[in-house]
Amino acid sequence: MIITKYGLTKTKLQILAMVAMLCDHVAKVIIYPVIISHYSNNWLSNNSYILRMYDALVFLGKISFPIFAFFIVEGFFKTHNVYSYMKRLFLFAILAEIPYDLATSGKLINFEKQNVLWTLLVGLICLFIIDNFKNSKFGLCKVIGSVSFILLIASFLNLDWGIYPGIVLILWFYLAHKSKKIRLLLGYCLMVPDVGFMSGAELSFLLLYFYNQRRGRSNKWLFYIFYPKHLLVLYLIQIILR
């Protein structure tokens, strides 16, 4: 793939994904529980702009995950130390769980659903397994067995974005990494049965098409800090508004 100064850098794409995630969480952590769930259908019909705002923010929110999934795979190919990469995700998945639980359920600990960093971590572990076993003796059997075991465990965790389309999309981005167009086109097709056509997710694949293979000015801690922090802030705003 030709690296060009034109297009979107990794940093710009990740910032766009964070903004999209913020939109989604504003809708689900503030607008729905504070306004929509507390007013009658009659009031909402007279103030329909609230529902339109909610739908628009959720639409934009669908942009976020495919971009994060894409860069988990890019990070796997480019990292100098995959163990440190996994440890970093694991640490922040733990740190983000309480803010995530508070924001999504109002509970300090909620085992019904786990934050998206766990989804990204499980996807990364699967990539690590595939990459290490694929060329070994009985490699295919080892890969299928090990990945199936990991996904079986993950199925009990109720991860945000789930095994499908979440981890499946990460695996697809890995398997098709040599062909940009096929990677993105079929990646979107994989998501459609879950998110629907014209759901907002297609915008993320369009943005990824303009990825120029450049990192850009970035701080590798930006997303890790932003994720739990914005959830905690939104939860506090929810409490104040209630």
C-alpha atoms as a PDB file:
ATOM      1  CA  MET A   1       0.000   0.000   0.000  1.00  0.00           C
ATOM      2  CA  ILE A   2       1.358   3.437  -0.954  1.00  0.00           C
ATOM      3  CA  ILE A   3       1.909   5.769   1.983  1.00  0.00           C
ATOM      4  CA  THR A   4       0.804   9.301   1.139  1.00  0.00           C
ATOM      5  CA  LYS A   5       0.743  12.609   2.953  1.00  0.00           C
ATOM      6  CA  TYR A   6      -2.854  13.071   1.816  1.00  0.00           C
ATOM      7  CA  GLY A   7      -5.816  11.460   3.519  1.00  0.00           C
ATOM      8  CA  LEU A   8      -6.462  10.810   7.192  1.00  0.00           C
ATOM      9  CA  THR A   9      -3.842   9.840   9.738  1.00  0.00           C
ATOM     10  CA  LYS A  10      -4.393   7.315  12.513  1.00  0.00           C
ATOM     11  CA  THR A  11      -4.640  10.129  15.053  1.00  0.00           C
ATOM     12  CA  LYS A  12      -7.330  11.973  13.103  1.00  0.00           C
ATOM     13  CA  LEU A  13      -9.355   8.801  12.623  1.00  0.00           C
ATOM     14  CA  GLN A  14      -9.122   7.890  16.294  1.00  0.00           C
ATOM     15  CA  ILE A  15     -10.198  11.394  17.339  1.00  0.00           C
ATOM     16  CA  LEU A  16     -13.184  11.134  14.996  1.00  0.00           C
ATOM     17  CA  ALA A  17     -13.998   7.748  16.542  1.00  0.00           C
ATOM     18  CA  MET A  18     -13.799   9.216  20.053  1.00  0.00           C
ATOM     19  CA  VAL A  19     -16.118  12.079  19.075  1.00  0.00           C
ATOM     20  CA  ALA A  20     -18.533   9.528  17.589  1.00  0.00           C
ATOM     21  CA  MET A  21     -18.359   7.454  20.769  1.00  0.00           C
ATOM     22  CA  LEU A  22     -19.062  10.559  22.835  1.00  0.00           C
ATOM     23  CA  CYS A  23     -22.144  11.275  20.713  1.00  0.00           C
ATOM     24  CA  ASP A  24     -23.441   7.760  21.280  1.00  0.00           C
ATOM     25  CA  HIS A  25     -22.857   7.913  25.019  1.00  0.00           C
ATOM     26  CA  VAL A  26     -24.441  11.355  25.371  1.00  0.00           C
ATOM     27  CA  ALA A  27     -27.559   9.843  23.794  1.00  0.00           C
ATOM     28  CA  LYS A  28     -27.584   6.681  25.903  1.00  0.00           C
ATOM     29  CA  VAL A  29     -26.279   8.005  29.230  1.00  0.00           C
ATOM     30  CA  ILE A  30     -27.987  11.405  29.325  1.00  0.00           C
ATOM     31  CA  ILE A  31     -30.739  11.923  26.752  1.00  0.00           C
ATOM     32  CA  TYR A  32     -32.472   8.563  27.110  1.00  0.00           C
ATOM     33  CA  PRO A  33     -32.417   8.036  30.898  1.00  0.00           C
ATOM     34  CA  VAL A  34     -32.851  11.699  31.845  1.00  0.00           C
ATOM     35  CA  ILE A  35     -35.412  12.788  29.239  1.00  0.00           C
ATOM     36  CA  ILE A  36     -36.896  10.074  27.032  1.00  0.00           C
ATOM     37  CA  SER A  37     -37.571   7.497  29.737  1.00  0.00           C
ATOM     38  CA  HIS A  38     -39.131  10.085  32.089  1.00  0.00           C
ATOM     39  CA  TYR A  39     -41.645  11.748  29.766  1.00  0.00           C
ATOM     40  CA  SER A  40     -44.840  10.489  28.200  1.00  0.00           C
ATOM     41  CA  ASN A  41     -45.190   9.583  24.551  1.00  0.00           C
ATOM     42  CA  ASN A  42     -47.527  12.552  24.153  1.00  0.00           C
ATOM     43  CA  TRP A  43     -44.879  14.968  25.468  1.00  0.00           C
ATOM     44  CA  LEU A  44     -42.221  13.389  23.276  1.00  0.00           C
ATOM     45  CA  SER A  45     -44.442  13.654  20.189  1.00  0.00           C
ATOM     46  CA  ASN A  46     -44.839  17.380  20.894  1.00  0.00           C
ATOM     47  CA  ASN A  47     -41.078  17.672  21.363  1.00  0.00           C
ATOM     48  CA  SER A  48     -40.010  15.305  18.616  1.00  0.00           C
ATOM     49  CA  TYR A  49     -36.699  17.083  18.176  1.00  0.00           C
ATOM     50  CA  ILE A  50     -35.530  15.190  21.294  1.00  0.00           C
ATOM     51  CA  LEU A  51     -36.084  11.846  19.577  1.00  0.00           C
ATOM     52  CA  ARG A  52     -34.476  13.111  16.377  1.00  0.00           C
ATOM     53  CA  MET A  53     -31.464  14.294  18.355  1.00  0.00           C
ATOM     54  CA  TYR A  54     -31.211  10.920  20.075  1.00  0.00           C
ATOM     55  CA  ASP A  55     -31.393   9.043  16.763  1.00  0.00           C
ATOM     56  CA  ALA A  56     -28.803  11.348  15.171  1.00  0.00           C
ATOM     57  CA  LEU A  57     -26.342  10.868  18.016  1.00  0.00           C
ATOM     58  CA  VAL A  58     -26.765   7.073  17.977  1.00  0.00           C
ATOM     59  CA  PHE A  59     -26.301   7.156  14.189  1.00  0.00           C
ATOM     60  CA  LEU A  60     -23.002   9.008  14.582  1.00  0.00           C
ATOM     61  CA  GLY A  61     -22.012   6.661  17.380  1.00  0.00           C
ATOM     62  CA  LYS A  62     -21.941   3.712  15.001  1.00  0.00           C
ATOM     63  CA  ILE A  63     -18.848   5.243  13.391  1.00  0.00           C
ATOM     64  CA  SER A  64     -16.661   4.497  16.396  1.00  0.00           C
ATOM     65  CA  PHE A  65     -16.244   0.737  16.780  1.00  0.00           C
ATOM     66  CA  PRO A  66     -15.081  -0.216  13.252  1.00  0.00           C
ATOM     67  CA  ILE A  67     -12.318   2.383  13.518  1.00  0.00           C
ATOM     68  CA  PHE A  68     -11.165   1.092  16.903  1.00  0.00           C
ATOM     69  CA  ALA A  69     -11.325  -2.498  15.627  1.00  0.00           C
ATOM     70  CA  PHE A  70      -9.311  -1.535  12.544  1.00  0.00           C
ATOM     71  CA  PHE A  71      -6.539   0.027  14.623  1.00  0.00           C
ATOM     72  CA  ILE A  72      -6.373  -2.896  17.015  1.00  0.00           C
ATOM     73  CA  VAL A  73      -5.285  -4.925  13.985  1.00  0.00           C
ATOM     74  CA  GLU A  74      -2.966  -2.197  12.701  1.00  0.00           C
ATOM     75  CA  GLY A  75      -1.451  -1.945  16.168  1.00  0.00           C
ATOM     76  CA  PHE A  76      -0.945  -5.706  16.280  1.00  0.00           C
ATOM     77  CA  PHE A  77       1.044  -5.657  13.031  1.00  0.00           C
ATOM     78  CA  LYS A  78       3.114  -2.617  14.001  1.00  0.00           C
ATOM     79  CA  THR A  79       3.727  -3.018  17.730  1.00  0.00           C
ATOM     80  CA  HIS A  80       7.208  -3.945  18.927  1.00  0.00           C
ATOM     81  CA  ASN A  81       5.826  -5.725  21.978  1.00  0.00           C
ATOM     82  CA  VAL A  82       2.420  -7.375  21.718  1.00  0.00           C
ATOM     83  CA  TYR A  83       2.589  -8.433  25.377  1.00  0.00           C
ATOM     84  CA  SER A  84       2.806  -4.786  26.489  1.00  0.00           C
ATOM     85  CA  TYR A  85      -0.041  -3.988  24.109  1.00  0.00           C
ATOM     86  CA  MET A  86      -2.242  -6.649  25.709  1.00  0.00           C
ATOM     87  CA  LYS A  87      -1.237  -5.627  29.239  1.00  0.00           C
ATOM     88  CA  ARG A  88      -2.144  -2.005  28.485  1.00  0.00           C
ATOM     89  CA  LEU A  89      -5.577  -2.983  27.176  1.00  0.00           C
ATOM     90  CA  PHE A  90      -6.132  -5.304  30.134  1.00  0.00           C
ATOM     91  CA  LEU A  91      -5.213  -2.607  32.672  1.00  0.00           C
ATOM     92  CA  PHE A  92      -7.491   0.020  31.169  1.00  0.00           C
ATOM     93  CA  ALA A  93     -10.319  -2.472  30.649  1.00  0.00           C
ATOM     94  CA  ILE A  94     -10.259  -3.018  34.416  1.00  0.00           C
ATOM     95  CA  LEU A  95     -10.003   0.716  35.159  1.00  0.00           C
ATOM     96  CA  ALA A  96     -12.869   1.525  32.785  1.00  0.00           C
ATOM     97  CA  GLU A  97     -15.275  -1.086  34.100  1.00  0.00           C
ATOM     98  CA  ILE A  98     -16.638   0.888  37.061  1.00  0.00           C
ATOM     99  CA  PRO A  99     -17.170   4.114  35.038  1.00  0.00           C
ATOM    100  CA  TYR A 100     -18.805   1.988  32.315  1.00  0.00           C
ATOM    101  CA  ASP A 101     -21.070   0.199  34.786  1.00  0.00           C
ATOM    102  CA  LEU A 102     -22.075   3.465  36.460  1.00  0.00           C
ATOM    103  CA  ALA A 103     -22.817   5.167  33.156  1.00  0.00           C
ATOM    104  CA  THR A 104     -24.778   2.294  31.606  1.00  0.00           C
ATOM    105  CA  SER A 105     -26.566   0.817  34.612  1.00  0.00           C
ATOM    106  CA  GLY A 106     -26.138   3.185  37.547  1.00  0.00           C
ATOM    107  CA  LYS A 107     -24.498   0.350  39.473  1.00  0.00           C
ATOM    108  CA  LEU A 108     -20.951   0.321  40.795  1.00  0.00           C
ATOM    109  CA  ILE A 109     -20.523  -3.259  39.597  1.00  0.00           C
ATOM    110  CA  ASN A 110     -22.672  -4.745  36.854  1.00  0.00           C
ATOM    111  CA  PHE A 111     -21.832  -8.154  35.417  1.00  0.00           C
ATOM    112  CA  GLU A 112     -24.554  -8.003  32.763  1.00  0.00           C
ATOM    113  CA  LYS A 113     -22.350  -6.217  30.229  1.00  0.00           C
ATOM    114  CA  GLN A 114     -18.632  -5.429  29.928  1.00  0.00           C
ATOM    115  CA  ASN A 115     -16.962  -2.396  28.370  1.00  0.00           C
ATOM    116  CA  VAL A 116     -15.590  -2.298  24.841  1.00  0.00           C
ATOM    117  CA  LEU A 117     -11.944  -2.509  25.914  1.00  0.00           C
ATOM    118  CA  TRP A 118     -12.569  -6.144  26.866  1.00  0.00           C
ATOM    119  CA  THR A 119     -13.897  -6.729  23.336  1.00  0.00           C
ATOM    120  CA  LEU A 120     -10.772  -5.197  21.823  1.00  0.00           C
ATOM    121  CA  LEU A 121      -8.571  -7.203  24.197  1.00  0.00           C
ATOM    122  CA  VAL A 122     -10.241 -10.523  23.338  1.00  0.00           C
ATOM    123  CA  GLY A 123      -9.864  -9.683  19.657  1.00  0.00           C
ATOM    124  CA  LEU A 124      -6.168  -8.933  20.169  1.00  0.00           C
ATOM    125  CA  ILE A 125      -5.647 -12.210  22.036  1.00  0.00           C
ATOM    126  CA  CYS A 126      -7.261 -14.074  19.134  1.00  0.00           C
ATOM    127  CA  LEU A 127      -4.884 -12.362  16.684  1.00  0.00           C
ATOM    128  CA  PHE A 128      -1.936 -13.315  18.866  1.00  0.00           C
ATOM    129  CA  ILE A 129      -3.057 -16.963  18.901  1.00  0.00           C
ATOM    130  CA  ILE A 130      -3.581 -17.090  15.140  1.00  0.00           C
ATOM    131  CA  ASP A 131      -0.238 -15.465  14.401  1.00  0.00           C
ATOM    132  CA  ASN A 132       1.674 -17.817  16.698  1.00  0.00           C
ATOM    133  CA  PHE A 133      -0.001 -21.081  15.713  1.00  0.00           C
ATOM    134  CA  LYS A 134      -0.753 -20.653  12.009  1.00  0.00           C
ATOM    135  CA  ASN A 135       2.622 -21.941  10.779  1.00  0.00           C
ATOM    136  CA  SER A 136       3.122 -24.633  13.410  1.00  0.00           C
ATOM    137  CA  LYS A 137       2.406 -28.337  13.096  1.00  0.00           C
ATOM    138  CA  PHE A 138      -1.358 -28.882  13.124  1.00  0.00           C
ATOM    139  CA  GLY A 139      -1.568 -25.081  13.106  1.00  0.00           C
ATOM    140  CA  LEU A 140      -5.108 -24.865  11.775  1.00  0.00           C
ATOM    141  CA  CYS A 141      -6.398 -27.246  14.448  1.00  0.00           C
ATOM    142  CA  LYS A 142      -4.571 -25.299  17.153  1.00  0.00           C
ATOM    143  CA  VAL A 143      -5.937 -21.994  15.881  1.00  0.00           C
ATOM    144  CA  ILE A 144      -9.529 -23.222  15.633  1.00  0.00           C
ATOM    145  CA  GLY A 145      -9.396 -24.933  19.025  1.00  0.00           C
ATOM    146  CA  SER A 146      -7.727 -22.063  20.881  1.00  0.00           C
ATOM    147  CA  VAL A 147      -9.793 -19.272  19.321  1.00  0.00           C
ATOM    148  CA  SER A 148     -13.008 -21.248  19.863  1.00  0.00           C
ATOM    149  CA  PHE A 149     -12.102 -21.671  23.532  1.00  0.00           C
ATOM    150  CA  ILE A 150     -11.410 -17.937  23.925  1.00  0.00           C
ATOM    151  CA  LEU A 151     -14.687 -17.047  22.212  1.00  0.00           C
ATOM    152  CA  LEU A 152     -16.574 -19.526  24.371  1.00  0.00           C
ATOM    153  CA  ILE A 153     -15.301 -17.779  27.485  1.00  0.00           C
ATOM    154  CA  ALA A 154     -16.051 -14.375  25.935  1.00  0.00           C
ATOM    155  CA  SER A 155     -19.627 -15.439  25.195  1.00  0.00           C
ATOM    156  CA  PHE A 156     -20.335 -15.507  28.943  1.00  0.00           C
ATOM    157  CA  LEU A 157     -18.995 -11.989  29.463  1.00  0.00           C
ATOM    158  CA  ASN A 158     -21.608 -10.185  27.322  1.00  0.00           C
ATOM    159  CA  LEU A 159     -19.046  -7.847  25.802  1.00  0.00           C
ATOM    160  CA  ASP A 160     -19.979  -4.493  24.313  1.00  0.00           C
ATOM    161  CA  TRP A 161     -20.368  -5.138  20.556  1.00  0.00           C
ATOM    162  CA  GLY A 162     -20.105  -8.857  21.394  1.00  0.00           C
ATOM    163  CA  ILE A 163     -18.445 -11.699  19.544  1.00  0.00           C
ATOM    164  CA  TYR A 164     -20.533 -10.665  16.559  1.00  0.00           C
ATOM    165  CA  PRO A 165     -20.036  -8.191  15.071  1.00  0.00           C
ATOM    166  CA  GLY A 166     -17.246  -7.027  17.415  1.00  0.00           C
ATOM    167  CA  ILE A 167     -14.605  -9.736  17.526  1.00  0.00           C
ATOM    168  CA  VAL A 168     -15.615 -11.134  14.128  1.00  0.00           C
ATOM    169  CA  LEU A 169     -14.857  -7.742  12.572  1.00  0.00           C
ATOM    170  CA  ILE A 170     -11.414  -7.638  14.232  1.00  0.00           C
ATOM    171  CA  LEU A 171     -10.656 -11.129  12.897  1.00  0.00           C
ATOM    172  CA  TRP A 172     -11.806 -10.131   9.423  1.00  0.00           C
ATOM    173  CA  PHE A 173      -9.614  -7.005   9.399  1.00  0.00           C
ATOM    174  CA  TYR A 174      -6.682  -9.265  10.283  1.00  0.00           C
ATOM    175  CA  LEU A 175      -7.405 -11.959   7.707  1.00  0.00           C
ATOM    176  CA  ALA A 176      -7.957  -9.484   4.859  1.00  0.00           C
ATOM    177  CA  HIS A 177      -5.264  -6.965   5.784  1.00  0.00           C
ATOM    178  CA  LYS A 178      -3.500  -7.236   2.411  1.00  0.00           C
ATOM    179  CA  SER A 179      -6.478  -5.949   0.418  1.00  0.00           C
ATOM    180  CA  LYS A 180      -7.782  -2.565   1.497  1.00  0.00           C
ATOM    181  CA  LYS A 181     -10.932  -2.516  -0.640  1.00  0.00           C
ATOM    182  CA  ILE A 182     -12.012  -6.081   0.166  1.00  0.00           C
ATOM    183  CA  ARG A 183     -11.144  -5.552   3.820  1.00  0.00           C
ATOM    184  CA  LEU A 184     -13.426  -2.527   4.106  1.00  0.00           C
ATOM    185  CA  LEU A 185     -16.223  -3.555   1.734  1.00  0.00           C
ATOM    186  CA  LEU A 186     -16.760  -7.022   3.192  1.00  0.00           C
ATOM    187  CA  GLY A 187     -16.111  -5.667   6.689  1.00  0.00           C
ATOM    188  CA  TYR A 188     -19.114  -3.403   6.250  1.00  0.00           C
ATOM    189  CA  CYS A 189     -21.156  -6.273   4.795  1.00  0.00           C
ATOM    190  CA  LEU A 190     -20.328  -8.304   7.904  1.00  0.00           C
ATOM    191  CA  MET A 191     -21.825  -5.594  10.098  1.00  0.00           C
ATOM    192  CA  VAL A 192     -25.019  -4.935   8.154  1.00  0.00           C
ATOM    193  CA  PRO A 193     -27.030  -7.901   9.540  1.00  0.00           C
ATOM    194  CA  ASP A 194     -26.420  -6.574  13.052  1.00  0.00           C
ATOM    195  CA  VAL A 195     -26.513  -2.785  12.714  1.00  0.00           C
ATOM    196  CA  GLY A 196     -28.665  -2.493   9.606  1.00  0.00           C
ATOM    197  CA  PHE A 197     -28.201  -0.684   6.307  1.00  0.00           C
ATOM    198  CA  MET A 198     -27.487   3.063   6.511  1.00  0.00           C
ATOM    199  CA  SER A 199     -26.973   2.851  10.261  1.00  0.00           C
ATOM    200  CA  GLY A 200     -23.971   5.173  10.447  1.00  0.00           C
ATOM    201  CA  ALA A 201     -21.412   2.364  10.441  1.00  0.00           C
ATOM    202  CA  GLU A 202     -20.846   2.820   6.715  1.00  0.00           C
ATOM    203  CA  LEU A 203     -19.341   6.241   7.437  1.00  0.00           C
ATOM    204  CA  SER A 204     -16.530   4.630   9.444  1.00  0.00           C
ATOM    205  CA  PHE A 205     -15.575   2.411   6.507  1.00  0.00           C
ATOM    206  CA  LEU A 206     -15.639   5.424   4.207  1.00  0.00           C
ATOM    207  CA  LEU A 207     -13.324   7.287   6.580  1.00  0.00           C
ATOM    208  CA  LEU A 208     -11.018   4.264   6.842  1.00  0.00           C
ATOM    209  CA  TYR A 209     -10.739   4.191   3.062  1.00  0.00           C
ATOM    210  CA  PHE A 210      -8.892   7.512   3.312  1.00  0.00           C
ATOM    211  CA  TYR A 211      -6.442   6.229   5.929  1.00  0.00           C
ATOM    212  CA  ASN A 212      -2.982   7.174   4.657  1.00  0.00           C
ATOM    213  CA  GLN A 213      -0.897   4.780   6.799  1.00  0.00           C
ATOM    214  CA  ARG A 214       0.570   7.679   8.753  1.00  0.00           C
ATOM    215  CA  ARG A 215       0.385   7.888  12.529  1.00  0.00           C
ATOM    216  CA  GLY A 216       0.169  11.657  12.806  1.00  0.00           C
ATOM    217  CA  ARG A 217       0.736  13.583  16.000  1.00  0.00           C
ATOM    218  CA  SER A 218      -0.584  11.373  18.732  1.00  0.00           C
ATOM    219  CA  ASN A 219      -0.430  10.324  22.328  1.00  0.00           C
ATOM    220  CA  LYS A 220      -0.907   6.568  22.657  1.00  0.00           C
ATOM    221  CA  TRP A 221      -2.589   7.137  26.031  1.00  0.00           C
ATOM    222  CA  LEU A 222      -5.239   9.521  24.671  1.00  0.00           C
ATOM    223  CA  PHE A 223      -7.966   6.952  23.981  1.00  0.00           C
ATOM    224  CA  TYR A 224      -7.193   4.911  27.087  1.00  0.00           C
ATOM    225  CA  ILE A 225      -7.610   8.004  29.285  1.00  0.00           C
ATOM    226  CA  PHE A 226     -10.549   9.435  27.350  1.00  0.00           C
ATOM    227  CA  TYR A 227     -12.651   6.269  27.536  1.00  0.00           C
ATOM    228  CA  PRO A 228     -13.147   5.886  31.313  1.00  0.00           C
ATOM    229  CA  LYS A 229     -12.939   9.620  31.960  1.00  0.00           C
ATOM    230  CA  HIS A 230     -15.747  10.629  29.590  1.00  0.00           C
ATOM    231  CA  LEU A 231     -17.989   7.852  30.939  1.00  0.00           C
ATOM    232  CA  LEU A 232     -17.463   9.076  34.490  1.00  0.00           C
ATOM    233  CA  VAL A 233     -18.150  12.696  33.512  1.00  0.00           C
ATOM    234  CA  LEU A 234     -21.349  11.723  31.693  1.00  0.00           C
ATOM    235  CA  TYR A 235     -22.516   9.710  34.677  1.00  0.00           C
ATOM    236  CA  LEU A 236     -21.963  12.722  36.967  1.00  0.00           C
ATOM    237  CA  ILE A 237     -23.894  14.938  34.533  1.00  0.00           C
ATOM    238  CA  GLN A 238     -26.713  12.367  34.537  1.00  0.00           C
ATOM    239  CA  ILE A 239     -26.881  12.495  38.345  1.00  0.00           C
ATOM    240  CA  ILE A 240     -26.963  16.315  38.354  1.00  0.00           C
ATOM    241  CA  LEU A 241     -29.707  16.507  35.717  1.00  0.00           C
ATOM    242  CA  ARG A 242     -31.857  13.951  37.489  1.00  0.00           C
END
